[in-house]
């Protein structure tokens, strides 16, 4: 069996009613048949949207085929023991030209019971934001279930939700149960559980291209909403040059910030997990194996297999990366 290597995948582009053109303009992600590209699924094992390798001898294979074939060598023994042949994370870029619907996601238990799916805990890293752009995260004050339903009925959720102006580099953690929405003018990277289960709460009475209102999931959402006040929506993280700095740590993924100004050698052996790098600014190169090199530009992602312990990251001349893996100690 040939040795595994850092894997790139073909982006899976999604047309969205709220999507725009920044993914094309900023990252060159082209799909002329899609008028409004809202999402680029970078690394996905979700059924029906499985990522396909774009580099090396494994080109053309799906991510799920690789997990089935390489198992712990690809994802890490502890990760494979926990998730089996289901790749556990979904990596996206999202371009919101218009406001996304206000929504919430169920936890694992509820999603498995209702949909035979994992729940969805996620995080956002803001890459670009128009002046004054805002997003919604949680409630500005604690509310009761009845109070929430009254505001929903009268279309006044804006009076109780937490609105937060954003700038590039902002990080938001979104556990299951937290009401949220990405606002118009925001381009971000999203790290999430491998799930496509979303409960749409309110969609601003927006109609699709057929003139129909989009489906809402009022009753399904009620059982999983956290109605408590959210005081600190933004995740505080102070990057340090050439060091991995913890940004988000949860049972489903760990994400570090890594700002490169010089080459950094990474030893992954203690992690027992695949590592994903999402380039959110600049450009770098991954050096591995017998003097092999792979470039990584802003708006690209790469999966480093668990069996590949040593990689050198070389900025050109600088780069900002999200470093994502599953902590074996939390599995």
C-alpha atoms as a PDB file:
ATOM      1  CA  UNK A   1       0.000   0.000   0.000  1.00  0.00           C
ATOM      2  CA  UNK A   2       1.405   3.390  -1.001  1.00  0.00           C
ATOM      3  CA  UNK A   3       2.240   5.905   1.713  1.00  0.00           C
ATOM      4  CA  UNK A   4      -0.432   8.474   2.534  1.00  0.00           C
ATOM      5  CA  UNK A   5       0.324  12.144   1.945  1.00  0.00           C
ATOM      6  CA  UNK A   6      -1.386  15.556   2.480  1.00  0.00           C
ATOM      7  CA  UNK A   7      -4.671  15.473   0.572  1.00  0.00           C
ATOM      8  CA  UNK A   8      -6.471  18.240  -1.256  1.00  0.00           C
ATOM      9  CA  UNK A   9     -10.047  17.909  -2.470  1.00  0.00           C
ATOM     10  CA  UNK A  10     -12.216  19.391  -5.186  1.00  0.00           C
ATOM     11  CA  UNK A  11     -14.470  22.076  -3.721  1.00  0.00           C
ATOM     12  CA  UNK A  12     -18.186  21.240  -3.721  1.00  0.00           C
ATOM     13  CA  UNK A  13     -19.960  24.505  -4.519  1.00  0.00           C
ATOM     14  CA  UNK A  14     -23.504  25.149  -3.320  1.00  0.00           C
ATOM     15  CA  UNK A  15     -25.945  27.644  -4.818  1.00  0.00           C
ATOM     16  CA  UNK A  16     -27.809  29.483  -2.054  1.00  0.00           C
ATOM     17  CA  UNK A  17     -30.606  32.052  -2.113  1.00  0.00           C
ATOM     18  CA  UNK A  18     -28.424  34.280   0.085  1.00  0.00           C
ATOM     19  CA  UNK A  19     -25.120  33.529  -1.676  1.00  0.00           C
ATOM     20  CA  UNK A  20     -22.855  35.994  -3.451  1.00  0.00           C
ATOM     21  CA  UNK A  21     -19.693  36.189  -5.533  1.00  0.00           C
ATOM     22  CA  UNK A  22     -16.823  36.503  -3.060  1.00  0.00           C
ATOM     23  CA  UNK A  23     -15.860  32.833  -3.310  1.00  0.00           C
ATOM     24  CA  UNK A  24     -15.300  33.319  -7.025  1.00  0.00           C
ATOM     25  CA  UNK A  25     -13.642  36.726  -6.747  1.00  0.00           C
ATOM     26  CA  UNK A  26     -11.442  35.981  -3.720  1.00  0.00           C
ATOM     27  CA  UNK A  27     -10.598  32.308  -4.168  1.00  0.00           C
ATOM     28  CA  UNK A  28     -11.323  31.521  -7.826  1.00  0.00           C
ATOM     29  CA  UNK A  29     -13.975  28.923  -7.004  1.00  0.00           C
ATOM     30  CA  UNK A  30     -15.831  28.887 -10.303  1.00  0.00           C
ATOM     31  CA  UNK A  31     -19.170  27.314 -11.217  1.00  0.00           C
ATOM     32  CA  UNK A  32     -20.782  29.335 -14.047  1.00  0.00           C
ATOM     33  CA  UNK A  33     -24.014  27.349 -13.734  1.00  0.00           C
ATOM     34  CA  UNK A  34     -24.490  28.546 -10.135  1.00  0.00           C
ATOM     35  CA  UNK A  35     -25.697  32.177  -9.928  1.00  0.00           C
ATOM     36  CA  UNK A  36     -25.101  32.659  -6.185  1.00  0.00           C
ATOM     37  CA  UNK A  37     -22.394  30.492  -4.646  1.00  0.00           C
ATOM     38  CA  UNK A  38     -23.066  30.589  -0.920  1.00  0.00           C
ATOM     39  CA  UNK A  39     -20.926  27.687   0.268  1.00  0.00           C
ATOM     40  CA  UNK A  40     -17.809  25.823  -0.736  1.00  0.00           C
ATOM     41  CA  UNK A  41     -17.652  22.448   0.997  1.00  0.00           C
ATOM     42  CA  UNK A  42     -13.914  21.876   1.263  1.00  0.00           C
ATOM     43  CA  UNK A  43     -13.698  18.548   3.094  1.00  0.00           C
ATOM     44  CA  UNK A  44     -16.887  16.522   3.453  1.00  0.00           C
ATOM     45  CA  UNK A  45     -17.979  12.964   4.085  1.00  0.00           C
ATOM     46  CA  UNK A  46     -21.685  13.891   4.093  1.00  0.00           C
ATOM     47  CA  UNK A  47     -23.696  11.447   1.981  1.00  0.00           C
ATOM     48  CA  UNK A  48     -24.433  12.968  -1.405  1.00  0.00           C
ATOM     49  CA  UNK A  49     -21.684  15.590  -0.977  1.00  0.00           C
ATOM     50  CA  UNK A  50     -18.554  13.496  -0.586  1.00  0.00           C
ATOM     51  CA  UNK A  51     -15.240  15.206  -1.243  1.00  0.00           C
ATOM     52  CA  UNK A  52     -13.072  13.843  -4.063  1.00  0.00           C
ATOM     53  CA  UNK A  53      -9.256  13.918  -3.895  1.00  0.00           C
ATOM     54  CA  UNK A  54      -7.642  16.329  -6.366  1.00  0.00           C
ATOM     55  CA  UNK A  55      -3.920  15.552  -5.952  1.00  0.00           C
ATOM     56  CA  UNK A  56      -1.520  12.589  -6.008  1.00  0.00           C
ATOM     57  CA  UNK A  57      -2.095   8.915  -6.729  1.00  0.00           C
ATOM     58  CA  UNK A  58      -5.394   8.925  -4.822  1.00  0.00           C
ATOM     59  CA  UNK A  59      -6.896  11.556  -7.131  1.00  0.00           C
ATOM     60  CA  UNK A  60     -10.503  10.687  -7.970  1.00  0.00           C
ATOM     61  CA  UNK A  61     -11.157   8.723  -4.780  1.00  0.00           C
ATOM     62  CA  UNK A  62     -13.798   9.956  -2.342  1.00  0.00           C
ATOM     63  CA  UNK A  63     -12.990  10.781   1.258  1.00  0.00           C
ATOM     64  CA  UNK A  64     -15.297   8.008   2.445  1.00  0.00           C
ATOM     65  CA  UNK A  65     -13.475   5.469   0.273  1.00  0.00           C
ATOM     66  CA  UNK A  66     -10.204   6.547   1.863  1.00  0.00           C
ATOM     67  CA  UNK A  67     -11.571   6.173   5.400  1.00  0.00           C
ATOM     68  CA  UNK A  68     -12.850   2.698   4.530  1.00  0.00           C
ATOM     69  CA  UNK A  69      -9.477   1.693   3.059  1.00  0.00           C
ATOM     70  CA  UNK A  70      -6.966   3.371   5.372  1.00  0.00           C
ATOM     71  CA  UNK A  71      -8.995   3.575   8.596  1.00  0.00           C
ATOM     72  CA  UNK A  72      -6.783   4.681  11.517  1.00  0.00           C
ATOM     73  CA  UNK A  73      -3.860   5.470   9.239  1.00  0.00           C
ATOM     74  CA  UNK A  74      -5.947   8.250   7.749  1.00  0.00           C
ATOM     75  CA  UNK A  75      -8.010   9.555  10.657  1.00  0.00           C
ATOM     76  CA  UNK A  76      -6.204   8.184  13.732  1.00  0.00           C
ATOM     77  CA  UNK A  77      -6.949   4.971  15.635  1.00  0.00           C
ATOM     78  CA  UNK A  78      -8.937   6.656  18.402  1.00  0.00           C
ATOM     79  CA  UNK A  79     -10.950   8.672  15.873  1.00  0.00           C
ATOM     80  CA  UNK A  80     -11.729   5.583  13.812  1.00  0.00           C
ATOM     81  CA  UNK A  81     -12.771   3.681  16.918  1.00  0.00           C
ATOM     82  CA  UNK A  82     -15.238   6.457  17.769  1.00  0.00           C
ATOM     83  CA  UNK A  83     -16.637   7.346  14.332  1.00  0.00           C
ATOM     84  CA  UNK A  84     -15.960   4.278  12.190  1.00  0.00           C
ATOM     85  CA  UNK A  85     -16.158   4.954   8.459  1.00  0.00           C
ATOM     86  CA  UNK A  86     -17.976   8.287   8.909  1.00  0.00           C
ATOM     87  CA  UNK A  87     -15.532  11.171   8.516  1.00  0.00           C
ATOM     88  CA  UNK A  88     -16.362  13.302  11.570  1.00  0.00           C
ATOM     89  CA  UNK A  89     -15.912  16.890  10.341  1.00  0.00           C
ATOM     90  CA  UNK A  90     -17.207  19.163   7.609  1.00  0.00           C
ATOM     91  CA  UNK A  91     -15.108  22.142   6.484  1.00  0.00           C
ATOM     92  CA  UNK A  92     -16.741  25.022   4.578  1.00  0.00           C
ATOM     93  CA  UNK A  93     -16.269  28.536   3.321  1.00  0.00           C
ATOM     94  CA  UNK A  94     -19.467  30.611   3.443  1.00  0.00           C
ATOM     95  CA  UNK A  95     -20.228  33.835   1.552  1.00  0.00           C
ATOM     96  CA  UNK A  96     -23.335  35.638   2.787  1.00  0.00           C
ATOM     97  CA  UNK A  97     -24.395  38.384   0.358  1.00  0.00           C
ATOM     98  CA  UNK A  98     -27.723  38.462   2.200  1.00  0.00           C
ATOM     99  CA  UNK A  99     -28.720  37.446   5.735  1.00  0.00           C
ATOM    100  CA  UNK A 100     -28.955  33.713   6.330  1.00  0.00           C
ATOM    101  CA  UNK A 101     -32.053  32.375   8.031  1.00  0.00           C
ATOM    102  CA  UNK A 102     -32.144  32.449  11.827  1.00  0.00           C
ATOM    103  CA  UNK A 103     -31.575  28.841  12.819  1.00  0.00           C
ATOM    104  CA  UNK A 104     -30.510  26.306  15.413  1.00  0.00           C
ATOM    105  CA  UNK A 105     -29.022  22.803  15.361  1.00  0.00           C
ATOM    106  CA  UNK A 106     -29.858  19.770  17.520  1.00  0.00           C
ATOM    107  CA  UNK A 107     -27.329  17.866  19.632  1.00  0.00           C
ATOM    108  CA  UNK A 108     -26.199  14.323  18.874  1.00  0.00           C
ATOM    109  CA  UNK A 109     -28.893  12.601  20.899  1.00  0.00           C
ATOM    110  CA  UNK A 110     -31.768  14.521  19.355  1.00  0.00           C
ATOM    111  CA  UNK A 111     -30.370  14.398  15.809  1.00  0.00           C
ATOM    112  CA  UNK A 112     -29.763  10.661  16.022  1.00  0.00           C
ATOM    113  CA  UNK A 113     -33.261  10.042  17.369  1.00  0.00           C
ATOM    114  CA  UNK A 114     -34.973  12.197  14.738  1.00  0.00           C
ATOM    115  CA  UNK A 115     -32.712  11.991  11.684  1.00  0.00           C
ATOM    116  CA  UNK A 116     -30.219   9.163  12.223  1.00  0.00           C
ATOM    117  CA  UNK A 117     -27.520  11.808  12.023  1.00  0.00           C
ATOM    118  CA  UNK A 118     -24.944  13.490  14.212  1.00  0.00           C
ATOM    119  CA  UNK A 119     -25.916  16.846  15.676  1.00  0.00           C
ATOM    120  CA  UNK A 120     -24.109  20.019  14.772  1.00  0.00           C
ATOM    121  CA  UNK A 121     -21.687  21.988  16.890  1.00  0.00           C
ATOM    122  CA  UNK A 122     -19.659  24.449  14.819  1.00  0.00           C
ATOM    123  CA  UNK A 123     -17.329  27.446  14.850  1.00  0.00           C
ATOM    124  CA  UNK A 124     -16.821  30.408  12.561  1.00  0.00           C
ATOM    125  CA  UNK A 125     -13.669  32.315  11.654  1.00  0.00           C
ATOM    126  CA  UNK A 126     -14.451  35.634   9.951  1.00  0.00           C
ATOM    127  CA  UNK A 127     -12.201  36.127   6.907  1.00  0.00           C
ATOM    128  CA  UNK A 128     -13.752  39.280   5.474  1.00  0.00           C
ATOM    129  CA  UNK A 129     -16.628  41.556   6.478  1.00  0.00           C
ATOM    130  CA  UNK A 130     -18.220  44.575   4.876  1.00  0.00           C
ATOM    131  CA  UNK A 131     -18.424  47.704   7.019  1.00  0.00           C
ATOM    132  CA  UNK A 132     -21.075  47.301   9.704  1.00  0.00           C
ATOM    133  CA  UNK A 133     -21.687  43.605   9.000  1.00  0.00           C
ATOM    134  CA  UNK A 134     -23.242  41.721  11.918  1.00  0.00           C
ATOM    135  CA  UNK A 135     -24.137  38.187  12.881  1.00  0.00           C
ATOM    136  CA  UNK A 136     -26.515  36.691  15.429  1.00  0.00           C
ATOM    137  CA  UNK A 137     -25.309  34.505  18.282  1.00  0.00           C
ATOM    138  CA  UNK A 138     -27.616  33.557  21.140  1.00  0.00           C
ATOM    139  CA  UNK A 139     -29.983  35.791  23.094  1.00  0.00           C
ATOM    140  CA  UNK A 140     -29.228  39.310  24.357  1.00  0.00           C
ATOM    141  CA  UNK A 141     -31.109  38.392  27.529  1.00  0.00           C
ATOM    142  CA  UNK A 142     -32.659  35.258  28.940  1.00  0.00           C
ATOM    143  CA  UNK A 143     -36.177  34.598  27.675  1.00  0.00           C
ATOM    144  CA  UNK A 144     -38.885  32.048  28.369  1.00  0.00           C
ATOM    145  CA  UNK A 145     -40.204  29.639  25.799  1.00  0.00           C
ATOM    146  CA  UNK A 146     -43.509  31.521  25.680  1.00  0.00           C
ATOM    147  CA  UNK A 147     -41.801  34.892  25.332  1.00  0.00           C
ATOM    148  CA  UNK A 148     -39.712  33.539  22.453  1.00  0.00           C
ATOM    149  CA  UNK A 149     -42.815  32.191  20.687  1.00  0.00           C
ATOM    150  CA  UNK A 150     -44.555  35.550  21.076  1.00  0.00           C
ATOM    151  CA  UNK A 151     -41.650  37.363  19.426  1.00  0.00           C
ATOM    152  CA  UNK A 152     -41.507  34.730  16.693  1.00  0.00           C
ATOM    153  CA  UNK A 153     -45.219  35.179  16.002  1.00  0.00           C
ATOM    154  CA  UNK A 154     -44.899  38.955  15.818  1.00  0.00           C
ATOM    155  CA  UNK A 155     -41.652  38.805  13.813  1.00  0.00           C
ATOM    156  CA  UNK A 156     -39.750  40.741  16.461  1.00  0.00           C
ATOM    157  CA  UNK A 157     -36.957  38.279  17.253  1.00  0.00           C
ATOM    158  CA  UNK A 158     -34.505  41.116  16.623  1.00  0.00           C
ATOM    159  CA  UNK A 159     -35.581  42.554  19.987  1.00  0.00           C
ATOM    160  CA  UNK A 160     -34.241  39.588  21.966  1.00  0.00           C
ATOM    161  CA  UNK A 161     -31.420  38.120  19.888  1.00  0.00           C
ATOM    162  CA  UNK A 162     -27.746  38.995  20.288  1.00  0.00           C
ATOM    163  CA  UNK A 163     -26.364  40.986  17.332  1.00  0.00           C
ATOM    164  CA  UNK A 164     -22.583  41.305  17.037  1.00  0.00           C
ATOM    165  CA  UNK A 165     -20.607  43.471  14.639  1.00  0.00           C
ATOM    166  CA  UNK A 166     -17.677  41.562  13.176  1.00  0.00           C
ATOM    167  CA  UNK A 167     -14.211  42.204  11.811  1.00  0.00           C
ATOM    168  CA  UNK A 168     -11.732  39.824  10.128  1.00  0.00           C
ATOM    169  CA  UNK A 169     -10.182  37.428  12.615  1.00  0.00           C
ATOM    170  CA  UNK A 170     -13.221  37.222  14.877  1.00  0.00           C
ATOM    171  CA  UNK A 171     -14.100  33.740  16.125  1.00  0.00           C
ATOM    172  CA  UNK A 172     -17.518  32.513  17.222  1.00  0.00           C
ATOM    173  CA  UNK A 173     -18.247  29.108  18.769  1.00  0.00           C
ATOM    174  CA  UNK A 174     -21.732  27.752  18.109  1.00  0.00           C
ATOM    175  CA  UNK A 175     -22.644  24.713  20.205  1.00  0.00           C
ATOM    176  CA  UNK A 176     -25.821  22.851  19.359  1.00  0.00           C
ATOM    177  CA  UNK A 177     -28.860  24.638  20.769  1.00  0.00           C
ATOM    178  CA  UNK A 178     -27.541  28.170  20.224  1.00  0.00           C
ATOM    179  CA  UNK A 179     -29.714  30.297  17.930  1.00  0.00           C
ATOM    180  CA  UNK A 180     -27.570  31.966  15.264  1.00  0.00           C
ATOM    181  CA  UNK A 181     -27.386  33.503  11.799  1.00  0.00           C
ATOM    182  CA  UNK A 182     -24.648  34.838   9.544  1.00  0.00           C
ATOM    183  CA  UNK A 183     -25.390  38.387   8.414  1.00  0.00           C
ATOM    184  CA  UNK A 184     -25.047  39.964   4.997  1.00  0.00           C
ATOM    185  CA  UNK A 185     -21.536  40.964   3.943  1.00  0.00           C
ATOM    186  CA  UNK A 186     -19.627  38.258   5.829  1.00  0.00           C
ATOM    187  CA  UNK A 187     -17.188  35.737   4.385  1.00  0.00           C
ATOM    188  CA  UNK A 188     -16.078  33.066   6.840  1.00  0.00           C
ATOM    189  CA  UNK A 189     -14.592  29.622   7.350  1.00  0.00           C
ATOM    190  CA  UNK A 190     -16.742  27.108   9.210  1.00  0.00           C
ATOM    191  CA  UNK A 191     -15.600  24.034  11.121  1.00  0.00           C
ATOM    192  CA  UNK A 192     -18.459  21.736  12.117  1.00  0.00           C
ATOM    193  CA  UNK A 193     -19.553  18.218  12.903  1.00  0.00           C
ATOM    194  CA  UNK A 194     -20.341  16.113   9.873  1.00  0.00           C
ATOM    195  CA  UNK A 195     -24.042  16.893   9.744  1.00  0.00           C
ATOM    196  CA  UNK A 196     -26.437  18.791   7.504  1.00  0.00           C
ATOM    197  CA  UNK A 197     -29.315  18.980  10.014  1.00  0.00           C
ATOM    198  CA  UNK A 198     -30.586  22.551  10.403  1.00  0.00           C
ATOM    199  CA  UNK A 199     -33.796  23.855  11.950  1.00  0.00           C
ATOM    200  CA  UNK A 200     -34.835  27.083  10.251  1.00  0.00           C
ATOM    201  CA  UNK A 201     -36.583  29.397  12.742  1.00  0.00           C
ATOM    202  CA  UNK A 202     -37.213  32.527  10.698  1.00  0.00           C
ATOM    203  CA  UNK A 203     -36.342  33.451   7.117  1.00  0.00           C
ATOM    204  CA  UNK A 204     -37.491  37.089   6.825  1.00  0.00           C
ATOM    205  CA  UNK A 205     -40.475  35.960   4.683  1.00  0.00           C
ATOM    206  CA  UNK A 206     -38.017  35.322   1.861  1.00  0.00           C
ATOM    207  CA  UNK A 207     -39.248  33.486  -1.234  1.00  0.00           C
ATOM    208  CA  UNK A 208     -37.301  31.096  -3.465  1.00  0.00           C
ATOM    209  CA  UNK A 209     -37.058  31.429  -7.239  1.00  0.00           C
ATOM    210  CA  UNK A 210     -40.405  29.631  -7.518  1.00  0.00           C
ATOM    211  CA  UNK A 211     -42.073  32.261  -5.347  1.00  0.00           C
ATOM    212  CA  UNK A 212     -42.490  29.906  -2.392  1.00  0.00           C
ATOM    213  CA  UNK A 213     -41.699  30.651   1.240  1.00  0.00           C
ATOM    214  CA  UNK A 214     -38.942  28.407   2.525  1.00  0.00           C
ATOM    215  CA  UNK A 215     -39.875  25.752   5.069  1.00  0.00           C
ATOM    216  CA  UNK A 216     -39.611  26.625   8.755  1.00  0.00           C
ATOM    217  CA  UNK A 217     -39.047  24.111  11.565  1.00  0.00           C
ATOM    218  CA  UNK A 218     -40.680  25.880  14.506  1.00  0.00           C
ATOM    219  CA  UNK A 219     -41.704  22.822  16.522  1.00  0.00           C
ATOM    220  CA  UNK A 220     -38.530  20.842  15.886  1.00  0.00           C
ATOM    221  CA  UNK A 221     -36.410  23.820  16.942  1.00  0.00           C
ATOM    222  CA  UNK A 222     -38.265  24.458  20.212  1.00  0.00           C
ATOM    223  CA  UNK A 223     -36.951  21.358  21.950  1.00  0.00           C
ATOM    224  CA  UNK A 224     -33.296  22.196  21.433  1.00  0.00           C
ATOM    225  CA  UNK A 225     -33.052  25.983  21.852  1.00  0.00           C
ATOM    226  CA  UNK A 226     -30.944  27.359  24.701  1.00  0.00           C
ATOM    227  CA  UNK A 227     -33.006  30.370  25.868  1.00  0.00           C
ATOM    228  CA  UNK A 228     -30.407  31.720  28.300  1.00  0.00           C
ATOM    229  CA  UNK A 229     -28.519  35.010  27.917  1.00  0.00           C
ATOM    230  CA  UNK A 230     -25.204  34.837  26.067  1.00  0.00           C
ATOM    231  CA  UNK A 231     -22.821  37.408  27.543  1.00  0.00           C
ATOM    232  CA  UNK A 232     -19.578  36.663  25.685  1.00  0.00           C
ATOM    233  CA  UNK A 233     -20.322  35.637  22.121  1.00  0.00           C
ATOM    234  CA  UNK A 234     -16.862  36.159  20.654  1.00  0.00           C
ATOM    235  CA  UNK A 235     -14.069  33.724  21.440  1.00  0.00           C
ATOM    236  CA  UNK A 236     -11.025  35.518  22.798  1.00  0.00           C
ATOM    237  CA  UNK A 237      -7.786  34.264  21.286  1.00  0.00           C
ATOM    238  CA  UNK A 238      -4.465  36.102  21.001  1.00  0.00           C
ATOM    239  CA  UNK A 239      -2.390  34.715  18.107  1.00  0.00           C
ATOM    240  CA  UNK A 240       1.360  34.317  18.563  1.00  0.00           C
ATOM    241  CA  UNK A 241       3.758  34.155  15.658  1.00  0.00           C
ATOM    242  CA  UNK A 242       4.784  30.631  14.659  1.00  0.00           C
ATOM    243  CA  UNK A 243       2.995  28.934  17.548  1.00  0.00           C
ATOM    244  CA  UNK A 244      -0.287  27.023  17.570  1.00  0.00           C
ATOM    245  CA  UNK A 245      -2.660  28.930  19.872  1.00  0.00           C
ATOM    246  CA  UNK A 246      -5.836  27.236  21.089  1.00  0.00           C
ATOM    247  CA  UNK A 247      -8.992  28.954  19.823  1.00  0.00           C
ATOM    248  CA  UNK A 248     -11.755  26.377  20.290  1.00  0.00           C
ATOM    249  CA  UNK A 249     -11.740  23.077  22.155  1.00  0.00           C
ATOM    250  CA  UNK A 250     -14.782  20.828  22.410  1.00  0.00           C
ATOM    251  CA  UNK A 251     -15.632  17.130  22.260  1.00  0.00           C
ATOM    252  CA  UNK A 252     -16.001  17.290  18.478  1.00  0.00           C
ATOM    253  CA  UNK A 253     -12.930  19.208  17.351  1.00  0.00           C
ATOM    254  CA  UNK A 254     -10.017  21.345  18.461  1.00  0.00           C
ATOM    255  CA  UNK A 255      -9.045  24.401  16.418  1.00  0.00           C
ATOM    256  CA  UNK A 256      -5.795  26.321  16.812  1.00  0.00           C
ATOM    257  CA  UNK A 257      -4.689  29.556  15.166  1.00  0.00           C
ATOM    258  CA  UNK A 258      -1.274  29.456  13.532  1.00  0.00           C
ATOM    259  CA  UNK A 259       0.256  32.666  12.159  1.00  0.00           C
ATOM    260  CA  UNK A 260       3.384  31.828  10.169  1.00  0.00           C
ATOM    261  CA  UNK A 261       6.267  34.186   9.518  1.00  0.00           C
ATOM    262  CA  UNK A 262       8.974  31.507   9.397  1.00  0.00           C
ATOM    263  CA  UNK A 263       9.123  27.723   8.814  1.00  0.00           C
ATOM    264  CA  UNK A 264       7.579  25.627  11.588  1.00  0.00           C
ATOM    265  CA  UNK A 265       8.092  21.880  12.070  1.00  0.00           C
ATOM    266  CA  UNK A 266       4.975  20.031  13.280  1.00  0.00           C
ATOM    267  CA  UNK A 267       5.103  16.647  15.014  1.00  0.00           C
ATOM    268  CA  UNK A 268       1.638  15.066  15.029  1.00  0.00           C
ATOM    269  CA  UNK A 269       2.478  11.767  16.692  1.00  0.00           C
ATOM    270  CA  UNK A 270       0.957  12.586  20.130  1.00  0.00           C
ATOM    271  CA  UNK A 271      -2.371  13.683  18.622  1.00  0.00           C
ATOM    272  CA  UNK A 272      -3.541  10.361  17.096  1.00  0.00           C
ATOM    273  CA  UNK A 273      -5.750  12.278  14.666  1.00  0.00           C
ATOM    274  CA  UNK A 274      -5.769  13.638  11.161  1.00  0.00           C
ATOM    275  CA  UNK A 275      -4.983  17.370  10.988  1.00  0.00           C
ATOM    276  CA  UNK A 276      -6.748  19.811   8.662  1.00  0.00           C
ATOM    277  CA  UNK A 277      -5.200  23.121   7.705  1.00  0.00           C
ATOM    278  CA  UNK A 278      -7.514  25.839   6.425  1.00  0.00           C
ATOM    279  CA  UNK A 279      -5.615  28.772   4.954  1.00  0.00           C
ATOM    280  CA  UNK A 280      -7.442  31.994   5.857  1.00  0.00           C
ATOM    281  CA  UNK A 281      -4.754  34.469   4.784  1.00  0.00           C
ATOM    282  CA  UNK A 282      -1.569  34.395   2.717  1.00  0.00           C
ATOM    283  CA  UNK A 283       0.110  31.292   1.356  1.00  0.00           C
ATOM    284  CA  UNK A 284       2.380  28.517   2.593  1.00  0.00           C
ATOM    285  CA  UNK A 285       3.935  25.216   1.587  1.00  0.00           C
ATOM    286  CA  UNK A 286       3.813  21.842   3.311  1.00  0.00           C
ATOM    287  CA  UNK A 287       7.099  19.936   3.145  1.00  0.00           C
ATOM    288  CA  UNK A 288       6.889  16.224   3.949  1.00  0.00           C
ATOM    289  CA  UNK A 289       8.379  12.830   3.211  1.00  0.00           C
ATOM    290  CA  UNK A 290      11.317  12.720   0.827  1.00  0.00           C
ATOM    291  CA  UNK A 291      11.545  16.461   0.061  1.00  0.00           C
ATOM    292  CA  UNK A 292       7.988  16.622  -1.276  1.00  0.00           C
ATOM    293  CA  UNK A 293       6.126  19.940  -1.275  1.00  0.00           C
ATOM    294  CA  UNK A 294       2.473  20.953  -1.516  1.00  0.00           C
ATOM    295  CA  UNK A 295       1.261  24.554  -1.817  1.00  0.00           C
ATOM    296  CA  UNK A 296      -1.663  25.927   0.181  1.00  0.00           C
ATOM    297  CA  UNK A 297      -3.243  29.291  -0.740  1.00  0.00           C
ATOM    298  CA  UNK A 298      -5.831  31.430   1.009  1.00  0.00           C
ATOM    299  CA  UNK A 299      -9.219  29.775   0.502  1.00  0.00           C
ATOM    300  CA  UNK A 300      -7.773  26.258   0.343  1.00  0.00           C
ATOM    301  CA  UNK A 301      -7.760  23.355   2.799  1.00  0.00           C
ATOM    302  CA  UNK A 302      -5.614  20.258   3.173  1.00  0.00           C
ATOM    303  CA  UNK A 303      -5.977  17.059   5.208  1.00  0.00           C
ATOM    304  CA  UNK A 304      -2.796  15.649   6.752  1.00  0.00           C
ATOM    305  CA  UNK A 305      -3.281  11.911   7.463  1.00  0.00           C
ATOM    306  CA  UNK A 306      -2.686  10.655  10.995  1.00  0.00           C
ATOM    307  CA  UNK A 307       0.100   8.353   9.771  1.00  0.00           C
ATOM    308  CA  UNK A 308       2.138  11.305   8.510  1.00  0.00           C
ATOM    309  CA  UNK A 309       3.825  12.483  11.687  1.00  0.00           C
ATOM    310  CA  UNK A 310       6.221  15.173  10.493  1.00  0.00           C
ATOM    311  CA  UNK A 311       5.384  18.163   8.297  1.00  0.00           C
ATOM    312  CA  UNK A 312       7.190  21.478   7.900  1.00  0.00           C
ATOM    313  CA  UNK A 313       5.015  24.520   7.217  1.00  0.00           C
ATOM    314  CA  UNK A 314       6.827  27.187   5.191  1.00  0.00           C
ATOM    315  CA  UNK A 315       5.108  30.585   4.732  1.00  0.00           C
ATOM    316  CA  UNK A 316       5.410  32.536   1.485  1.00  0.00           C
ATOM    317  CA  UNK A 317       6.125  34.980   3.023  1.00  0.00           C
ATOM    318  CA  UNK A 318       3.357  34.883   5.656  1.00  0.00           C
ATOM    319  CA  UNK A 319       0.233  32.810   6.244  1.00  0.00           C
ATOM    320  CA  UNK A 320      -2.608  32.428   8.722  1.00  0.00           C
ATOM    321  CA  UNK A 321      -3.979  28.929   9.214  1.00  0.00           C
ATOM    322  CA  UNK A 322      -6.690  27.203  11.170  1.00  0.00           C
ATOM    323  CA  UNK A 323      -5.253  23.951  12.527  1.00  0.00           C
ATOM    324  CA  UNK A 324      -8.054  21.456  13.172  1.00  0.00           C
ATOM    325  CA  UNK A 325      -8.004  17.972  14.686  1.00  0.00           C
ATOM    326  CA  UNK A 326      -9.840  15.724  17.148  1.00  0.00           C
ATOM    327  CA  UNK A 327      -8.171  15.483  20.536  1.00  0.00           C
ATOM    328  CA  UNK A 328      -7.715  11.809  21.396  1.00  0.00           C
ATOM    329  CA  UNK A 329      -7.839  12.667  25.103  1.00  0.00           C
ATOM    330  CA  UNK A 330     -11.413  13.926  24.655  1.00  0.00           C
ATOM    331  CA  UNK A 331     -12.541  10.967  22.536  1.00  0.00           C
END
